Amino acid sequence: MWLTVFSGPKPEETVEVTGHRFLIGREPDCDLVIADPKVSQQHAEIVPLAGPFRVIRDLGSANGTLVNGRPLKTPIGFTSGDVKEAQLTGGEWLHFGDTPVRVTLMDPRLDTRPPSGPPDTESD
């Protein structure tokens, strides 16, 4: 799984999601560092499921995490509202603060088609 960070309509950085815990935030020791003041120090994590799929969890960030324009939800069966997560299967748009990130199952840098920019979230 790969994450591509966008700055405006153009991709800025692409990273592969690896390991048992992939940390996203502003801290320099995060696996994906996002320099956005609306992103928490440790904003979210991605953890593996079976096969190529993953789960993204918000780590109690002040501004939340969006998947395809919608906030993460508490999974069914949890009594606490503290855990907010969503399954990632590829093709999703994530938003951390004002920063859009595209999820893909293949390295998008190998795709010869021009990249499409993030969806317009202002109209939602």
PDB file of N, CA and C in Angstrom:
ATOM      1  N   MET A   1       0.853  -1.164   0.000  1.00  0.00           N
ATOM      2  CA  MET A   1       0.000   0.000   0.000  1.00  0.00           C
ATOM      3  C   MET A   1       0.903   1.233   0.000  1.00  0.00           C
ATOM      4  N   TRP A   2       0.496   2.258  -0.767  1.00  0.00           N
ATOM      5  CA  TRP A   2       1.253   3.496  -0.863  1.00  0.00           C
ATOM      6  C   TRP A   2       0.356   4.674  -0.531  1.00  0.00           C
ATOM      7  N   LEU A   3       0.963   5.708   0.045  1.00  0.00           N
ATOM      8  CA  LEU A   3       0.290   6.963   0.334  1.00  0.00           C
ATOM      9  C   LEU A   3       0.988   8.057  -0.457  1.00  0.00           C
ATOM     10  N   THR A   4       0.198   8.850  -1.185  1.00  0.00           N
ATOM     11  CA  THR A   4       0.749   9.979  -1.929  1.00  0.00           C
ATOM     12  C   THR A   4       0.172  11.254  -1.356  1.00  0.00           C
ATOM     13  N   VAL A   5       1.056  12.110  -0.841  1.00  0.00           N
ATOM     14  CA  VAL A   5       0.675  13.385  -0.259  1.00  0.00           C
ATOM     15  C   VAL A   5       0.597  14.410  -1.390  1.00  0.00           C
ATOM     16  N   PHE A   6      -0.484  15.173  -1.419  1.00  0.00           N
ATOM     17  CA  PHE A   6      -0.674  16.186  -2.454  1.00  0.00           C
ATOM     18  C   PHE A   6      -0.509  17.581  -1.871  1.00  0.00           C
ATOM     19  N   SER A   7       0.057  18.445  -2.697  1.00  0.00           N
ATOM     20  CA  SER A   7       0.137  19.871  -2.397  1.00  0.00           C
ATOM     21  C   SER A   7      -0.528  20.562  -3.572  1.00  0.00           C
ATOM     22  N   GLY A   8      -1.765  20.992  -3.396  1.00  0.00           N
ATOM     23  CA  GLY A   8      -2.544  21.474  -4.527  1.00  0.00           C
ATOM     24  C   GLY A   8      -2.895  20.284  -5.411  1.00  0.00           C
ATOM     25  N   PRO A   9      -2.908  20.458  -6.728  1.00  0.00           N
ATOM     26  CA  PRO A   9      -3.300  19.359  -7.617  1.00  0.00           C
ATOM     27  C   PRO A   9      -2.180  18.367  -7.928  1.00  0.00           C
ATOM     28  N   LYS A  10      -0.969  18.642  -7.474  1.00  0.00           N
ATOM     29  CA  LYS A  10       0.183  17.798  -7.826  1.00  0.00           C
ATOM     30  C   LYS A  10       0.658  16.961  -6.641  1.00  0.00           C
ATOM     31  N   PRO A  11       1.104  15.718  -6.941  1.00  0.00           N
ATOM     32  CA  PRO A  11       1.667  14.894  -5.868  1.00  0.00           C
ATOM     33  C   PRO A  11       2.997  15.469  -5.392  1.00  0.00           C
ATOM     34  N   GLU A  12       3.189  15.443  -4.083  1.00  0.00           N
ATOM     35  CA  GLU A  12       4.398  15.993  -3.488  1.00  0.00           C
ATOM     36  C   GLU A  12       5.351  14.899  -3.025  1.00  0.00           C
ATOM     37  N   GLU A  13       4.792  13.817  -2.464  1.00  0.00           N
ATOM     38  CA  GLU A  13       5.615  12.748  -1.890  1.00  0.00           C
ATOM     39  C   GLU A  13       4.814  11.458  -1.897  1.00  0.00           C
ATOM     40  N   THR A  14       5.479  10.339  -2.188  1.00  0.00           N
ATOM     41  CA  THR A  14       4.847   9.018  -2.121  1.00  0.00           C
ATOM     42  C   THR A  14       5.683   8.136  -1.207  1.00  0.00           C
ATOM     43  N   VAL A  15       5.010   7.458  -0.258  1.00  0.00           N
ATOM     44  CA  VAL A  15       5.692   6.547   0.662  1.00  0.00           C
ATOM     45  C   VAL A  15       4.951   5.216   0.705  1.00  0.00           C
ATOM     46  N   GLU A  16       5.693   4.136   0.898  1.00  0.00           N
ATOM     47  CA  GLU A  16       5.091   2.819   1.043  1.00  0.00           C
ATOM     48  C   GLU A  16       4.742   2.580   2.505  1.00  0.00           C
ATOM     49  N   VAL A  17       3.563   2.043   2.750  1.00  0.00           N
ATOM     50  CA  VAL A  17       3.132   1.701   4.103  1.00  0.00           C
ATOM     51  C   VAL A  17       3.737   0.338   4.431  1.00  0.00           C
ATOM     52  N   THR A  18       4.586   0.300   5.443  1.00  0.00           N
ATOM     53  CA  THR A  18       5.263  -0.933   5.828  1.00  0.00           C
ATOM     54  C   THR A  18       5.173  -1.122   7.339  1.00  0.00           C
ATOM     55  N   GLY A  19       5.474  -2.325   7.782  1.00  0.00           N
ATOM     56  CA  GLY A  19       5.542  -2.619   9.207  1.00  0.00           C
ATOM     57  C   GLY A  19       4.189  -2.894   9.834  1.00  0.00           C
ATOM     58  N   HIS A  20       4.230  -3.145  11.148  1.00  0.00           N
ATOM     59  CA  HIS A  20       3.018  -3.463  11.899  1.00  0.00           C
ATOM     60  C   HIS A  20       2.294  -2.221  12.392  1.00  0.00           C
ATOM     61  N   ARG A  21       2.973  -1.086  12.310  1.00  0.00           N
ATOM     62  CA  ARG A  21       2.351   0.184  12.709  1.00  0.00           C
ATOM     63  C   ARG A  21       3.015   1.292  11.913  1.00  0.00           C
ATOM     64  N   PHE A  22       2.238   1.953  11.088  1.00  0.00           N
ATOM     65  CA  PHE A  22       2.724   3.052  10.259  1.00  0.00           C
ATOM     66  C   PHE A  22       2.136   4.332  10.820  1.00  0.00           C
ATOM     67  N   LEU A  23       2.974   5.185  11.384  1.00  0.00           N
ATOM     68  CA  LEU A  23       2.536   6.366  12.123  1.00  0.00           C
ATOM     69  C   LEU A  23       2.556   7.608  11.227  1.00  0.00           C
ATOM     70  N   ILE A  24       1.482   8.398  11.310  1.00  0.00           N
ATOM     71  CA  ILE A  24       1.333   9.617  10.528  1.00  0.00           C
ATOM     72  C   ILE A  24       1.151  10.791  11.482  1.00  0.00           C
ATOM     73  N   GLY A  25       1.898  11.867  11.265  1.00  0.00           N
ATOM     74  CA  GLY A  25       1.757  13.048  12.109  1.00  0.00           C
ATOM     75  C   GLY A  25       2.828  14.073  11.823  1.00  0.00           C
ATOM     76  N   ARG A  26       2.936  15.070  12.712  1.00  0.00           N
ATOM     77  CA  ARG A  26       3.930  16.134  12.552  1.00  0.00           C
ATOM     78  C   ARG A  26       5.274  15.802  13.178  1.00  0.00           C
ATOM     79  N   GLU A  27       5.316  14.834  14.112  1.00  0.00           N
ATOM     80  CA  GLU A  27       6.583  14.500  14.765  1.00  0.00           C
ATOM     81  C   GLU A  27       7.590  13.982  13.746  1.00  0.00           C
ATOM     82  N   PRO A  28       8.854  14.372  13.892  1.00  0.00           N
ATOM     83  CA  PRO A  28       9.870  13.943  12.929  1.00  0.00           C
ATOM     84  C   PRO A  28      10.088  12.433  12.879  1.00  0.00           C
ATOM     85  N   ASP A  29       9.740  11.708  13.944  1.00  0.00           N
ATOM     86  CA  ASP A  29       9.955  10.260  13.925  1.00  0.00           C
ATOM     87  C   ASP A  29       8.754   9.473  13.393  1.00  0.00           C
ATOM     88  N   CYS A  30       7.731  10.163  12.878  1.00  0.00           N
ATOM     89  CA  CYS A  30       6.598   9.480  12.240  1.00  0.00           C
ATOM     90  C   CYS A  30       7.062   8.887  10.909  1.00  0.00           C
ATOM     91  N   ASP A  31       6.382   7.836  10.476  1.00  0.00           N
ATOM     92  CA  ASP A  31       6.704   7.218   9.188  1.00  0.00           C
ATOM     93  C   ASP A  31       6.334   8.138   8.026  1.00  0.00           C
ATOM     94  N   LEU A  32       5.252   8.901   8.181  1.00  0.00           N
ATOM     95  CA  LEU A  32       4.873   9.931   7.222  1.00  0.00           C
ATOM     96  C   LEU A  32       4.713  11.223   8.002  1.00  0.00           C
ATOM     97  N   VAL A  33       5.631  12.157   7.756  1.00  0.00           N
ATOM     98  CA  VAL A  33       5.600  13.453   8.433  1.00  0.00           C
ATOM     99  C   VAL A  33       4.845  14.433   7.542  1.00  0.00           C
ATOM    100  N   ILE A  34       3.807  15.056   8.108  1.00  0.00           N
ATOM    101  CA  ILE A  34       3.008  16.040   7.386  1.00  0.00           C
ATOM    102  C   ILE A  34       3.154  17.380   8.097  1.00  0.00           C
ATOM    103  N   ALA A  35       3.739  18.338   7.395  1.00  0.00           N
ATOM    104  CA  ALA A  35       3.984  19.672   7.962  1.00  0.00           C
ATOM    105  C   ALA A  35       2.752  20.547   7.754  1.00  0.00           C
ATOM    106  N   ASP A  36       1.715  20.246   8.491  1.00  0.00           N
ATOM    107  CA  ASP A  36       0.450  20.978   8.414  1.00  0.00           C
ATOM    108  C   ASP A  36       0.077  21.307   9.857  1.00  0.00           C
ATOM    109  N   PRO A  37      -0.127  22.584  10.186  1.00  0.00           N
ATOM    110  CA  PRO A  37      -0.421  22.938  11.581  1.00  0.00           C
ATOM    111  C   PRO A  37      -1.698  22.312  12.134  1.00  0.00           C
ATOM    112  N   LYS A  38      -2.592  21.828  11.250  1.00  0.00           N
ATOM    113  CA  LYS A  38      -3.821  21.178  11.710  1.00  0.00           C
ATOM    114  C   LYS A  38      -3.636  19.679  11.945  1.00  0.00           C
ATOM    115  N   VAL A  39      -2.421  19.178  11.715  1.00  0.00           N
ATOM    116  CA  VAL A  39      -2.109  17.763  11.937  1.00  0.00           C
ATOM    117  C   VAL A  39      -1.478  17.635  13.321  1.00  0.00           C
ATOM    118  N   SER A  40      -1.934  16.661  14.094  1.00  0.00           N
ATOM    119  CA  SER A  40      -1.395  16.430  15.431  1.00  0.00           C
ATOM    120  C   SER A  40       0.002  15.816  15.359  1.00  0.00           C
ATOM    121  N   GLN A  41       0.716  15.883  16.476  1.00  0.00           N
ATOM    122  CA  GLN A  41       2.066  15.305  16.532  1.00  0.00           C
ATOM    123  C   GLN A  41       2.043  13.834  16.108  1.00  0.00           C
ATOM    124  N   GLN A  42       1.149  13.053  16.702  1.00  0.00           N
ATOM    125  CA  GLN A  42       0.874  11.672  16.290  1.00  0.00           C
ATOM    126  C   GLN A  42      -0.615  11.634  15.967  1.00  0.00           C
ATOM    127  N   HIS A  43      -0.941  11.781  14.702  1.00  0.00           N
ATOM    128  CA  HIS A  43      -2.312  12.014  14.262  1.00  0.00           C
ATOM    129  C   HIS A  43      -3.091  10.712  14.031  1.00  0.00           C
ATOM    130  N   ALA A  44      -2.464   9.764  13.309  1.00  0.00           N
ATOM    131  CA  ALA A  44      -3.154   8.523  12.941  1.00  0.00           C
ATOM    132  C   ALA A  44      -2.131   7.419  12.741  1.00  0.00           C
ATOM    133  N   GLU A  45      -2.647   6.181  12.696  1.00  0.00           N
ATOM    134  CA  GLU A  45      -1.791   5.037  12.409  1.00  0.00           C
ATOM    135  C   GLU A  45      -2.502   4.132  11.422  1.00  0.00           C
ATOM    136  N   ILE A  46      -1.704   3.397  10.654  1.00  0.00           N
ATOM    137  CA  ILE A  46      -2.226   2.382   9.756  1.00  0.00           C
ATOM    138  C   ILE A  46      -1.639   1.058  10.199  1.00  0.00           C
ATOM    139  N   VAL A  47      -2.515   0.063  10.405  1.00  0.00           N
ATOM    140  CA  VAL A  47      -2.085  -1.263  10.849  1.00  0.00           C
ATOM    141  C   VAL A  47      -2.601  -2.310   9.859  1.00  0.00           C
ATOM    142  N   PRO A  48      -1.877  -3.424   9.722  1.00  0.00           N
ATOM    143  CA  PRO A  48      -2.252  -4.422   8.707  1.00  0.00           C
ATOM    144  C   PRO A  48      -3.462  -5.257   9.083  1.00  0.00           C
ATOM    145  N   LEU A  49      -4.171  -5.685   8.036  1.00  0.00           N
ATOM    146  CA  LEU A  49      -5.206  -6.709   8.102  1.00  0.00           C
ATOM    147  C   LEU A  49      -4.703  -7.863   7.244  1.00  0.00           C
ATOM    148  N   ALA A  50      -5.543  -8.846   6.980  1.00  0.00           N
ATOM    149  CA  ALA A  50      -5.166  -9.943   6.093  1.00  0.00           C
ATOM    150  C   ALA A  50      -5.002  -9.425   4.664  1.00  0.00           C
ATOM    151  N   GLY A  51      -4.033  -9.947   3.944  1.00  0.00           N
ATOM    152  CA  GLY A  51      -3.807  -9.557   2.560  1.00  0.00           C
ATOM    153  C   GLY A  51      -3.253  -8.150   2.465  1.00  0.00           C
ATOM    154  N   PRO A  52      -3.583  -7.442   1.391  1.00  0.00           N
ATOM    155  CA  PRO A  52      -3.003  -6.113   1.178  1.00  0.00           C
ATOM    156  C   PRO A  52      -3.729  -4.994   1.922  1.00  0.00           C
ATOM    157  N   PHE A  53      -4.781  -5.317   2.638  1.00  0.00           N
ATOM    158  CA  PHE A  53      -5.625  -4.283   3.235  1.00  0.00           C
ATOM    159  C   PHE A  53      -5.105  -3.847   4.600  1.00  0.00           C
ATOM    160  N   ARG A  54      -5.531  -2.667   5.014  1.00  0.00           N
ATOM    161  CA  ARG A  54      -5.095  -2.070   6.268  1.00  0.00           C
ATOM    162  C   ARG A  54      -6.275  -1.371   6.943  1.00  0.00           C
ATOM    163  N   VAL A  55      -6.067  -1.015   8.207  1.00  0.00           N
ATOM    164  CA  VAL A  55      -7.018  -0.195   8.958  1.00  0.00           C
ATOM    165  C   VAL A  55      -6.304   1.090   9.336  1.00  0.00           C
ATOM    166  N   ILE A  56      -7.003   2.214   9.151  1.00  0.00           N
ATOM    167  CA  ILE A  56      -6.482   3.492   9.626  1.00  0.00           C
ATOM    168  C   ILE A  56      -7.229   3.860  10.892  1.00  0.00           C
ATOM    169  N   ARG A  57      -6.482   4.291  11.914  1.00  0.00           N
ATOM    170  CA  ARG A  57      -7.067   4.696  13.200  1.00  0.00           C
ATOM    171  C   ARG A  57      -6.619   6.101  13.529  1.00  0.00           C
ATOM    172  N   ASP A  58      -7.558   6.923  13.931  1.00  0.00           N
ATOM    173  CA  ASP A  58      -7.234   8.246  14.439  1.00  0.00           C
ATOM    174  C   ASP A  58      -6.721   8.076  15.864  1.00  0.00           C
ATOM    175  N   LEU A  59      -5.659   8.788  16.212  1.00  0.00           N
ATOM    176  CA  LEU A  59      -5.053   8.656  17.536  1.00  0.00           C
ATOM    177  C   LEU A  59      -5.472   9.788  18.471  1.00  0.00           C
ATOM    178  N   GLY A  60      -6.739  10.192  18.369  1.00  0.00           N
ATOM    179  CA  GLY A  60      -7.252  11.255  19.234  1.00  0.00           C
ATOM    180  C   GLY A  60      -6.832  12.635  18.762  1.00  0.00           C
ATOM    181  N   SER A  61      -6.637  12.786  17.459  1.00  0.00           N
ATOM    182  CA  SER A  61      -6.201  14.072  16.913  1.00  0.00           C
ATOM    183  C   SER A  61      -7.252  15.156  17.163  1.00  0.00           C
ATOM    184  N   ALA A  62      -6.792  16.397  17.238  1.00  0.00           N
ATOM    185  CA  ALA A  62      -7.702  17.520  17.487  1.00  0.00           C
ATOM    186  C   ALA A  62      -8.649  17.756  16.317  1.00  0.00           C
ATOM    187  N   ASN A  63      -8.191  17.528  15.076  1.00  0.00           N
ATOM    188  CA  ASN A  63      -9.000  17.844  13.899  1.00  0.00           C
ATOM    189  C   ASN A  63      -9.555  16.620  13.186  1.00  0.00           C
ATOM    190  N   GLY A  64      -9.303  15.434  13.700  1.00  0.00           N
ATOM    191  CA  GLY A  64      -9.862  14.226  13.107  1.00  0.00           C
ATOM    192  C   GLY A  64      -9.191  13.819  11.808  1.00  0.00           C
ATOM    193  N   THR A  65      -9.633  12.680  11.293  1.00  0.00           N
ATOM    194  CA  THR A  65      -9.126  12.110  10.046  1.00  0.00           C
ATOM    195  C   THR A  65     -10.329  11.804   9.164  1.00  0.00           C
ATOM    196  N   LEU A  66     -10.242  12.180   7.904  1.00  0.00           N
ATOM    197  CA  LEU A  66     -11.321  11.919   6.958  1.00  0.00           C
ATOM    198  C   LEU A  66     -10.902  10.860   5.955  1.00  0.00           C
ATOM    199  N   VAL A  67     -11.840   9.981   5.612  1.00  0.00           N
ATOM    200  CA  VAL A  67     -11.663   9.024   4.525  1.00  0.00           C
ATOM    201  C   VAL A  67     -12.779   9.306   3.525  1.00  0.00           C
ATOM    202  N   ASN A  68     -12.382   9.669   2.311  1.00  0.00           N
ATOM    203  CA  ASN A  68     -13.347  10.046   1.266  1.00  0.00           C
ATOM    204  C   ASN A  68     -14.332  11.102   1.761  1.00  0.00           C
ATOM    205  N   GLY A  69     -13.803  12.075   2.515  1.00  0.00           N
ATOM    206  CA  GLY A  69     -14.605  13.197   2.977  1.00  0.00           C
ATOM    207  C   GLY A  69     -15.430  12.946   4.223  1.00  0.00           C
ATOM    208  N   ARG A  70     -15.336  11.733   4.792  1.00  0.00           N
ATOM    209  CA  ARG A  70     -16.148  11.398   5.978  1.00  0.00           C
ATOM    210  C   ARG A  70     -15.252  11.089   7.172  1.00  0.00           C
ATOM    211  N   PRO A  71     -15.658  11.520   8.368  1.00  0.00           N
ATOM    212  CA  PRO A  71     -14.856  11.229   9.557  1.00  0.00           C
ATOM    213  C   PRO A  71     -14.826   9.729   9.852  1.00  0.00           C
ATOM    214  N   LEU A  72     -13.752   9.288  10.468  1.00  0.00           N
ATOM    215  CA  LEU A  72     -13.663   7.898  10.912  1.00  0.00           C
ATOM    216  C   LEU A  72     -14.729   7.640  11.964  1.00  0.00           C
ATOM    217  N   LYS A  73     -15.174   6.385  12.061  1.00  0.00           N
ATOM    218  CA  LYS A  73     -16.243   6.021  12.999  1.00  0.00           C
ATOM    219  C   LYS A  73     -15.763   4.967  13.981  1.00  0.00           C
ATOM    220  N   THR A  74     -16.486   4.863  15.095  1.00  0.00           N
ATOM    221  CA  THR A  74     -16.234   3.803  16.063  1.00  0.00           C
ATOM    222  C   THR A  74     -16.723   2.487  15.469  1.00  0.00           C
ATOM    223  N   PRO A  75     -15.873   1.446  15.454  1.00  0.00           N
ATOM    224  CA  PRO A  75     -16.298   0.169  14.876  1.00  0.00           C
ATOM    225  C   PRO A  75     -17.456  -0.451  15.651  1.00  0.00           C
ATOM    226  N   ILE A  76     -18.281  -1.217  14.959  1.00  0.00           N
ATOM    227  CA  ILE A  76     -19.403  -1.917  15.584  1.00  0.00           C
ATOM    228  C   ILE A  76     -18.864  -2.868  16.647  1.00  0.00           C
ATOM    229  N   GLY A  77     -19.504  -2.886  17.800  1.00  0.00           N
ATOM    230  CA  GLY A  77     -19.097  -3.773  18.883  1.00  0.00           C
ATOM    231  C   GLY A  77     -18.234  -3.085  19.925  1.00  0.00           C
ATOM    232  N   PHE A  78     -17.718  -1.880  19.636  1.00  0.00           N
ATOM    233  CA  PHE A  78     -16.932  -1.151  20.622  1.00  0.00           C
ATOM    234  C   PHE A  78     -17.888  -0.330  21.483  1.00  0.00           C
ATOM    235  N   THR A  79     -17.703  -0.376  22.783  1.00  0.00           N
ATOM    236  CA  THR A  79     -18.551   0.404  23.673  1.00  0.00           C
ATOM    237  C   THR A  79     -17.973   1.793  23.901  1.00  0.00           C
ATOM    238  N   SER A  80     -16.686   1.958  23.674  1.00  0.00           N
ATOM    239  CA  SER A  80     -16.042   3.248  23.866  1.00  0.00           C
ATOM    240  C   SER A  80     -15.978   3.986  22.544  1.00  0.00           C
ATOM    241  N   GLY A  81     -16.216   5.272  22.568  1.00  0.00           N
ATOM    242  CA  GLY A  81     -16.107   6.090  21.370  1.00  0.00           C
ATOM    243  C   GLY A  81     -14.689   6.551  21.104  1.00  0.00           C
ATOM    244  N   ASP A  82     -13.729   6.047  21.900  1.00  0.00           N
ATOM    245  CA  ASP A  82     -12.344   6.488  21.763  1.00  0.00           C
ATOM    246  C   ASP A  82     -11.683   5.964  20.494  1.00  0.00           C
ATOM    247  N   VAL A  83     -12.072   4.791  20.014  1.00  0.00           N
ATOM    248  CA  VAL A  83     -11.462   4.195  18.828  1.00  0.00           C
ATOM    249  C   VAL A  83     -12.260   4.610  17.598  1.00  0.00           C
ATOM    250  N   LYS A  84     -11.594   5.252  16.652  1.00  0.00           N
ATOM    251  CA  LYS A  84     -12.229   5.643  15.391  1.00  0.00           C
ATOM    252  C   LYS A  84     -11.335   5.123  14.280  1.00  0.00           C
ATOM    253  N   GLU A  85     -11.924   4.307  13.375  1.00  0.00           N
ATOM    254  CA  GLU A  85     -11.115   3.674  12.350  1.00  0.00           C
ATOM    255  C   GLU A  85     -11.929   3.406  11.096  1.00  0.00           C
ATOM    256  N   ALA A  86     -11.220   3.020  10.037  1.00  0.00           N
ATOM    257  CA  ALA A  86     -11.847   2.626   8.772  1.00  0.00           C
ATOM    258  C   ALA A  86     -10.890   1.684   8.054  1.00  0.00           C
ATOM    259  N   GLN A  87     -11.455   0.758   7.313  1.00  0.00           N
ATOM    260  CA  GLN A  87     -10.646  -0.156   6.506  1.00  0.00           C
ATOM    261  C   GLN A  87     -10.219   0.557   5.224  1.00  0.00           C
ATOM    262  N   LEU A  88      -8.979   0.322   4.821  1.00  0.00           N
ATOM    263  CA  LEU A  88      -8.456   0.866   3.576  1.00  0.00           C
ATOM    264  C   LEU A  88      -8.259  -0.282   2.591  1.00  0.00           C
ATOM    265  N   THR A  89      -8.805  -0.145   1.400  1.00  0.00           N
ATOM    266  CA  THR A  89      -8.680  -1.189   0.379  1.00  0.00           C
ATOM    267  C   THR A  89      -8.017  -0.669  -0.890  1.00  0.00           C
ATOM    268  N   GLY A  90      -7.626   0.604  -0.897  1.00  0.00           N
ATOM    269  CA  GLY A  90      -7.003   1.227  -2.057  1.00  0.00           C
ATOM    270  C   GLY A  90      -7.999   2.117  -2.773  1.00  0.00           C
ATOM    271  N   GLY A  91      -7.541   3.266  -3.221  1.00  0.00           N
ATOM    272  CA  GLY A  91      -8.391   4.206  -3.937  1.00  0.00           C
ATOM    273  C   GLY A  91      -8.989   5.294  -3.068  1.00  0.00           C
ATOM    274  N   GLU A  92      -8.810   5.215  -1.769  1.00  0.00           N
ATOM    275  CA  GLU A  92      -9.399   6.222  -0.873  1.00  0.00           C
ATOM    276  C   GLU A  92      -8.581   7.519  -0.903  1.00  0.00           C
ATOM    277  N   TRP A  93      -9.293   8.598  -0.554  1.00  0.00           N
ATOM    278  CA  TRP A  93      -8.657   9.887  -0.276  1.00  0.00           C
ATOM    279  C   TRP A  93      -8.728  10.112   1.224  1.00  0.00           C
ATOM    280  N   LEU A  94      -7.587  10.359   1.842  1.00  0.00           N
ATOM    281  CA  LEU A  94      -7.511  10.680   3.264  1.00  0.00           C
ATOM    282  C   LEU A  94      -7.248  12.164   3.400  1.00  0.00           C
ATOM    283  N   HIS A  95      -7.747  12.763   4.472  1.00  0.00           N
ATOM    284  CA  HIS A  95      -7.417  14.151   4.781  1.00  0.00           C
ATOM    285  C   HIS A  95      -6.956  14.219   6.227  1.00  0.00           C
ATOM    286  N   PHE A  96      -5.758  14.752   6.389  1.00  0.00           N
ATOM    287  CA  PHE A  96      -5.170  15.039   7.698  1.00  0.00           C
ATOM    288  C   PHE A  96      -5.029  16.554   7.753  1.00  0.00           C
ATOM    289  N   GLY A  97      -5.833  17.229   8.576  1.00  0.00           N
ATOM    290  CA  GLY A  97      -5.840  18.681   8.541  1.00  0.00           C
ATOM    291  C   GLY A  97      -6.270  19.125   7.152  1.00  0.00           C
ATOM    292  N   ASP A  98      -5.465  19.993   6.529  1.00  0.00           N
ATOM    293  CA  ASP A  98      -5.753  20.474   5.179  1.00  0.00           C
ATOM    294  C   ASP A  98      -4.993  19.688   4.112  1.00  0.00           C
ATOM    295  N   THR A  99      -4.372  18.575   4.489  1.00  0.00           N
ATOM    296  CA  THR A  99      -3.515  17.834   3.575  1.00  0.00           C
ATOM    297  C   THR A  99      -4.210  16.590   3.033  1.00  0.00           C
ATOM    298  N   PRO A 100      -4.430  16.530   1.690  1.00  0.00           N
ATOM    299  CA  PRO A 100      -5.021  15.341   1.073  1.00  0.00           C
ATOM    300  C   PRO A 100      -3.948  14.293   0.764  1.00  0.00           C
ATOM    301  N   VAL A 101      -4.319  13.036   0.976  1.00  0.00           N
ATOM    302  CA  VAL A 101      -3.407  11.907   0.741  1.00  0.00           C
ATOM    303  C   VAL A 101      -4.184  10.819   0.010  1.00  0.00           C
ATOM    304  N   ARG A 102      -3.628  10.317  -1.089  1.00  0.00           N
ATOM    305  CA  ARG A 102      -4.263   9.253  -1.888  1.00  0.00           C
ATOM    306  C   ARG A 102      -3.707   7.902  -1.475  1.00  0.00           C
ATOM    307  N   VAL A 103      -4.581   6.899  -1.298  1.00  0.00           N
ATOM    308  CA  VAL A 103      -4.200   5.532  -0.963  1.00  0.00           C
ATOM    309  C   VAL A 103      -4.248   4.690  -2.240  1.00  0.00           C
ATOM    310  N   THR A 104      -3.165   3.962  -2.523  1.00  0.00           N
ATOM    311  CA  THR A 104      -3.141   3.064  -3.673  1.00  0.00           C
ATOM    312  C   THR A 104      -2.517   1.733  -3.269  1.00  0.00           C
ATOM    313  N   LEU A 105      -2.887   0.675  -3.981  1.00  0.00           N
ATOM    314  CA  LEU A 105      -2.313  -0.641  -3.714  1.00  0.00           C
ATOM    315  C   LEU A 105      -1.055  -0.896  -4.546  1.00  0.00           C
ATOM    316  N   MET A 106      -0.853  -0.070  -5.582  1.00  0.00           N
ATOM    317  CA  MET A 106       0.358  -0.148  -6.394  1.00  0.00           C
ATOM    318  C   MET A 106       1.095   1.179  -6.273  1.00  0.00           C
ATOM    319  N   ASP A 107       2.407   1.141  -6.491  1.00  0.00           N
ATOM    320  CA  ASP A 107       3.201   2.362  -6.447  1.00  0.00           C
ATOM    321  C   ASP A 107       2.735   3.292  -7.574  1.00  0.00           C
ATOM    322  N   PRO A 108       2.135   4.441  -7.258  1.00  0.00           N
ATOM    323  CA  PRO A 108       1.601   5.319  -8.302  1.00  0.00           C
ATOM    324  C   PRO A 108       2.687   5.935  -9.178  1.00  0.00           C
ATOM    325  N   ARG A 109       3.925   5.914  -8.731  1.00  0.00           N
ATOM    326  CA  ARG A 109       5.013   6.470  -9.540  1.00  0.00           C
ATOM    327  C   ARG A 109       5.301   5.599 -10.753  1.00  0.00           C
ATOM    328  N   LEU A 110       4.789   4.347 -10.751  1.00  0.00           N
ATOM    329  CA  LEU A 110       4.966   3.447 -11.880  1.00  0.00           C
ATOM    330  C   LEU A 110       3.860   3.602 -12.913  1.00  0.00           C
ATOM    331  N   ASP A 111       2.813   4.361 -12.577  1.00  0.00           N
ATOM    332  CA  ASP A 111       1.683   4.585 -13.473  1.00  0.00           C
ATOM    333  C   ASP A 111       2.064   5.662 -14.491  1.00  0.00           C
ATOM    334  N   THR A 112       1.874   5.393 -15.769  1.00  0.00           N
ATOM    335  CA  THR A 112       2.261   6.345 -16.811  1.00  0.00           C
ATOM    336  C   THR A 112       1.191   7.406 -17.072  1.00  0.00           C
ATOM    337  N   ARG A 113      -0.006   7.223 -16.527  1.00  0.00           N
ATOM    338  CA  ARG A 113      -1.053   8.228 -16.698  1.00  0.00           C
ATOM    339  C   ARG A 113      -0.763   9.445 -15.818  1.00  0.00           C
ATOM    340  N   PRO A 114      -1.194  10.644 -16.241  1.00  0.00           N
ATOM    341  CA  PRO A 114      -1.001  11.821 -15.392  1.00  0.00           C
ATOM    342  C   PRO A 114      -1.802  11.670 -14.095  1.00  0.00           C
ATOM    343  N   PRO A 115      -1.233  12.090 -12.958  1.00  0.00           N
ATOM    344  CA  PRO A 115      -1.953  11.949 -11.688  1.00  0.00           C
ATOM    345  C   PRO A 115      -3.163  12.866 -11.631  1.00  0.00           C
ATOM    346  N   SER A 116      -4.219  12.363 -11.021  1.00  0.00           N
ATOM    347  CA  SER A 116      -5.390  13.209 -10.798  1.00  0.00           C
ATOM    348  C   SER A 116      -5.277  13.792  -9.403  1.00  0.00           C
ATOM    349  N   GLY A 117      -5.582  15.057  -9.285  1.00  0.00           N
ATOM    350  CA  GLY A 117      -5.473  15.739  -8.004  1.00  0.00           C
ATOM    351  C   GLY A 117      -6.581  15.338  -7.055  1.00  0.00           C
ATOM    352  N   PRO A 118      -6.503  15.839  -5.834  1.00  0.00           N
ATOM    353  CA  PRO A 118      -7.507  15.503  -4.830  1.00  0.00           C
ATOM    354  C   PRO A 118      -8.883  16.038  -5.192  1.00  0.00           C
ATOM    355  N   PRO A 119      -9.927  15.375  -4.693  1.00  0.00           N
ATOM    356  CA  PRO A 119     -11.284  15.863  -4.950  1.00  0.00           C
ATOM    357  C   PRO A 119     -11.512  17.197  -4.226  1.00  0.00           C
ATOM    358  N   ASP A 120     -12.444  17.957  -4.725  1.00  0.00           N
ATOM    359  CA  ASP A 120     -12.798  19.222  -4.102  1.00  0.00           C
ATOM    360  C   ASP A 120     -13.652  18.914  -2.876  1.00  0.00           C
ATOM    361  N   THR A 121     -13.098  19.154  -1.682  1.00  0.00           N
ATOM    362  CA  THR A 121     -13.828  18.863  -0.442  1.00  0.00           C
ATOM    363  C   THR A 121     -14.590  20.085   0.061  1.00  0.00           C
ATOM    364  N   GLU A 122     -14.375  21.225  -0.556  1.00  0.00           N
ATOM    365  CA  GLU A 122     -15.057  22.432  -0.102  1.00  0.00           C
ATOM    366  C   GLU A 122     -16.557  22.393  -0.399  1.00  0.00           C
ATOM    367  N   SER A 123     -16.966  21.622  -1.423  1.00  0.00           N
ATOM    368  CA  SER A 123     -18.370  21.610  -1.814  1.00  0.00           C
ATOM    369  C   SER A 123     -19.203  20.630  -1.002  1.00  0.00           C
ATOM    370  N   ASP A 124     -18.595  19.800  -0.166  1.00  0.00           N
ATOM    371  CA  ASP A 124     -19.345  18.820   0.642  1.00  0.00           C
ATOM    372  C   ASP A 124     -20.051  19.459   1.803  1.00  0.00           C
TER     373      ASP A 124
END
